[in-house]
Amino acid sequence: MNKSKIKKGDMVLVSAGKEKGKKGEVSEIIKKDGRVLVNGINIVKKHKKSQGENKKPNIVEEPAPIHLSNVMYFCPKCDKGVRLGVKIEKDGTKTRFCKKCGTSIK
């Protein structure tokens, strides 16, 4: 199980691979494999078999997972992919922050 600072709903920038430079929102994190599903990124075509008479065979486009090391958090203030840090506030809560500009992230 990999530990990651990227969470579901974060905007990320793809930093490696055929989709390099594209941005998208994380829709799911697969902790066991250390991968993320990003909306609109790494779309693959899957051939689906027929499931009885109701569902006919067809070709479906769906996003494939990308490894966590190939995505970076996209900071809207810096307008680029950045690394994240974690700091402990005075009340004891942990918050993520952009290591470039220091902006706190929800």
C-alpha atoms as a PDB file:
ATOM      1  CA  MET A   1       0.000   0.000   0.000  1.00  0.00           C
ATOM      2  CA  ASN A   2       1.578   3.244  -1.188  1.00  0.00           C
ATOM      3  CA  LYS A   3       1.170   6.508   0.679  1.00  0.00           C
ATOM      4  CA  SER A   4       0.343   9.477  -1.513  1.00  0.00           C
ATOM      5  CA  LYS A   5      -0.274  13.192  -1.045  1.00  0.00           C
ATOM      6  CA  ILE A   6      -2.595  13.204  -4.067  1.00  0.00           C
ATOM      7  CA  LYS A   7      -6.276  12.799  -3.185  1.00  0.00           C
ATOM      8  CA  LYS A   8      -9.496  12.129  -5.074  1.00  0.00           C
ATOM      9  CA  GLY A   9     -10.787  15.331  -6.694  1.00  0.00           C
ATOM     10  CA  ASP A  10      -7.338  16.953  -7.060  1.00  0.00           C
ATOM     11  CA  MET A  11      -6.347  18.548 -10.366  1.00  0.00           C
ATOM     12  CA  VAL A  12      -3.166  16.861 -11.601  1.00  0.00           C
ATOM     13  CA  LEU A  13      -0.711  17.371 -14.450  1.00  0.00           C
ATOM     14  CA  VAL A  14       0.654  14.295 -16.270  1.00  0.00           C
ATOM     15  CA  SER A  15       4.456  14.552 -16.191  1.00  0.00           C
ATOM     16  CA  ALA A  16       5.445  11.457 -18.206  1.00  0.00           C
ATOM     17  CA  GLY A  17       4.157   9.159 -20.937  1.00  0.00           C
ATOM     18  CA  LYS A  18       2.083   9.684 -24.050  1.00  0.00           C
ATOM     19  CA  GLU A  19      -0.327  12.049 -22.234  1.00  0.00           C
ATOM     20  CA  LYS A  20       2.486  14.311 -20.915  1.00  0.00           C
ATOM     21  CA  GLY A  21       1.399  17.923 -20.324  1.00  0.00           C
ATOM     22  CA  LYS A  22      -2.336  17.214 -20.010  1.00  0.00           C
ATOM     23  CA  LYS A  23      -4.398  18.144 -16.945  1.00  0.00           C
ATOM     24  CA  GLY A  24      -7.331  16.334 -15.392  1.00  0.00           C
ATOM     25  CA  GLU A  25      -9.176  15.602 -12.168  1.00  0.00           C
ATOM     26  CA  VAL A  26      -8.433  12.441 -10.169  1.00  0.00           C
ATOM     27  CA  SER A  27     -11.562  10.280 -10.111  1.00  0.00           C
ATOM     28  CA  GLU A  28     -10.174   7.262  -8.247  1.00  0.00           C
ATOM     29  CA  ILE A  29      -7.025   6.147  -6.426  1.00  0.00           C
ATOM     30  CA  ILE A  30      -5.939   2.501  -6.548  1.00  0.00           C
ATOM     31  CA  LYS A  31      -3.732   2.293  -3.438  1.00  0.00           C
ATOM     32  CA  LYS A  32      -2.794  -1.365  -3.879  1.00  0.00           C
ATOM     33  CA  ASP A  33      -1.097  -0.708  -7.237  1.00  0.00           C
ATOM     34  CA  GLY A  34      -0.065   2.911  -6.593  1.00  0.00           C
ATOM     35  CA  ARG A  35      -2.093   4.173  -9.555  1.00  0.00           C
ATOM     36  CA  VAL A  36      -4.709   6.849 -10.227  1.00  0.00           C
ATOM     37  CA  LEU A  37      -7.595   7.222 -12.673  1.00  0.00           C
ATOM     38  CA  VAL A  38      -7.739  10.706 -14.205  1.00  0.00           C
ATOM     39  CA  ASN A  39     -10.845  11.934 -16.053  1.00  0.00           C
ATOM     40  CA  GLY A  40     -10.204  12.361 -19.792  1.00  0.00           C
ATOM     41  CA  ILE A  41      -6.589  11.098 -19.639  1.00  0.00           C
ATOM     42  CA  ASN A  42      -5.169   7.777 -20.914  1.00  0.00           C
ATOM     43  CA  ILE A  43      -8.394   6.706 -22.670  1.00  0.00           C
ATOM     44  CA  VAL A  44      -8.299   3.130 -24.005  1.00  0.00           C
ATOM     45  CA  LYS A  45     -10.769   1.137 -26.090  1.00  0.00           C
ATOM     46  CA  LYS A  46     -12.103  -2.079 -24.536  1.00  0.00           C
ATOM     47  CA  HIS A  47     -13.953  -4.754 -26.488  1.00  0.00           C
ATOM     48  CA  LYS A  48     -16.950  -5.967 -24.475  1.00  0.00           C
ATOM     49  CA  LYS A  49     -18.533  -9.353 -25.079  1.00  0.00           C
ATOM     50  CA  SER A  50     -22.299  -9.709 -25.318  1.00  0.00           C
ATOM     51  CA  GLN A  51     -24.084 -10.382 -22.035  1.00  0.00           C
ATOM     52  CA  GLY A  52     -27.094 -12.344 -23.201  1.00  0.00           C
ATOM     53  CA  GLU A  53     -29.618 -10.870 -25.608  1.00  0.00           C
ATOM     54  CA  ASN A  54     -29.987  -7.555 -23.774  1.00  0.00           C
ATOM     55  CA  LYS A  55     -26.406  -6.283 -24.112  1.00  0.00           C
ATOM     56  CA  LYS A  56     -24.832  -6.528 -27.540  1.00  0.00           C
ATOM     57  CA  PRO A  57     -21.049  -6.660 -28.051  1.00  0.00           C
ATOM     58  CA  ASN A  58     -19.483  -3.239 -28.480  1.00  0.00           C
ATOM     59  CA  ILE A  59     -16.316  -1.199 -28.087  1.00  0.00           C
ATOM     60  CA  VAL A  60     -16.210   1.051 -25.007  1.00  0.00           C
ATOM     61  CA  GLU A  61     -13.759   3.894 -24.315  1.00  0.00           C
ATOM     62  CA  GLU A  62     -12.701   4.195 -20.660  1.00  0.00           C
ATOM     63  CA  PRO A  63      -9.767   5.721 -18.751  1.00  0.00           C
ATOM     64  CA  ALA A  64      -6.877   3.430 -17.825  1.00  0.00           C
ATOM     65  CA  PRO A  65      -4.898   3.962 -14.598  1.00  0.00           C
ATOM     66  CA  ILE A  66      -1.642   5.987 -14.550  1.00  0.00           C
ATOM     67  CA  HIS A  67       1.161   5.385 -12.045  1.00  0.00           C
ATOM     68  CA  LEU A  68       1.345   7.916  -9.205  1.00  0.00           C
ATOM     69  CA  SER A  69       4.934   8.804 -10.077  1.00  0.00           C
ATOM     70  CA  ASN A  70       3.780  10.094 -13.476  1.00  0.00           C
ATOM     71  CA  VAL A  71       1.372  12.746 -12.136  1.00  0.00           C
ATOM     72  CA  MET A  72       1.969  15.977 -10.206  1.00  0.00           C
ATOM     73  CA  TYR A  73      -0.464  18.168  -8.302  1.00  0.00           C
ATOM     74  CA  PHE A  74      -1.459  21.209 -10.417  1.00  0.00           C
ATOM     75  CA  CYS A  75      -1.258  24.431  -8.366  1.00  0.00           C
ATOM     76  CA  PRO A  76      -3.628  27.067  -9.803  1.00  0.00           C
ATOM     77  CA  LYS A  77      -1.619  29.928  -8.239  1.00  0.00           C
ATOM     78  CA  CYS A  78       1.734  28.748  -9.706  1.00  0.00           C
ATOM     79  CA  ASP A  79      -0.034  27.533 -12.898  1.00  0.00           C
ATOM     80  CA  LYS A  80       2.234  24.452 -13.074  1.00  0.00           C
ATOM     81  CA  GLY A  81       2.773  20.994 -11.630  1.00  0.00           C
ATOM     82  CA  VAL A  82       4.280  21.141  -8.143  1.00  0.00           C
ATOM     83  CA  ARG A  83       5.377  18.915  -5.283  1.00  0.00           C
ATOM     84  CA  LEU A  84       3.308  18.884  -2.110  1.00  0.00           C
ATOM     85  CA  GLY A  85       4.391  19.056   1.501  1.00  0.00           C
ATOM     86  CA  VAL A  86       2.497  18.401   4.724  1.00  0.00           C
ATOM     87  CA  LYS A  87       2.626  20.723   7.709  1.00  0.00           C
ATOM     88  CA  ILE A  88       1.010  20.391  11.111  1.00  0.00           C
ATOM     89  CA  GLU A  89      -1.032  23.419  12.170  1.00  0.00           C
ATOM     90  CA  LYS A  90      -1.116  24.785  15.742  1.00  0.00           C
ATOM     91  CA  ASP A  91      -4.422  23.022  16.414  1.00  0.00           C
ATOM     92  CA  GLY A  92      -2.847  19.668  15.439  1.00  0.00           C
ATOM     93  CA  THR A  93      -4.462  19.216  12.004  1.00  0.00           C
ATOM     94  CA  LYS A  94      -2.386  18.272   8.970  1.00  0.00           C
ATOM     95  CA  THR A  95      -2.653  20.389   5.832  1.00  0.00           C
ATOM     96  CA  ARG A  96      -1.054  19.987   2.428  1.00  0.00           C
ATOM     97  CA  PHE A  97       0.800  22.912   0.875  1.00  0.00           C
ATOM     98  CA  CYS A  98       2.479  23.809  -2.413  1.00  0.00           C
ATOM     99  CA  LYS A  99       6.268  23.667  -2.022  1.00  0.00           C
ATOM    100  CA  LYS A 100       6.743  26.411  -4.657  1.00  0.00           C
ATOM    101  CA  CYS A 101       4.442  29.182  -3.428  1.00  0.00           C
ATOM    102  CA  GLY A 102       3.485  27.934   0.052  1.00  0.00           C
ATOM    103  CA  THR A 103      -0.278  28.040  -0.600  1.00  0.00           C
ATOM    104  CA  SER A 104      -2.332  25.731   1.660  1.00  0.00           C
ATOM    105  CA  ILE A 105      -4.508  23.161  -0.074  1.00  0.00           C
ATOM    106  CA  LYS A 106      -7.884  22.137   1.339  1.00  0.00           C
END
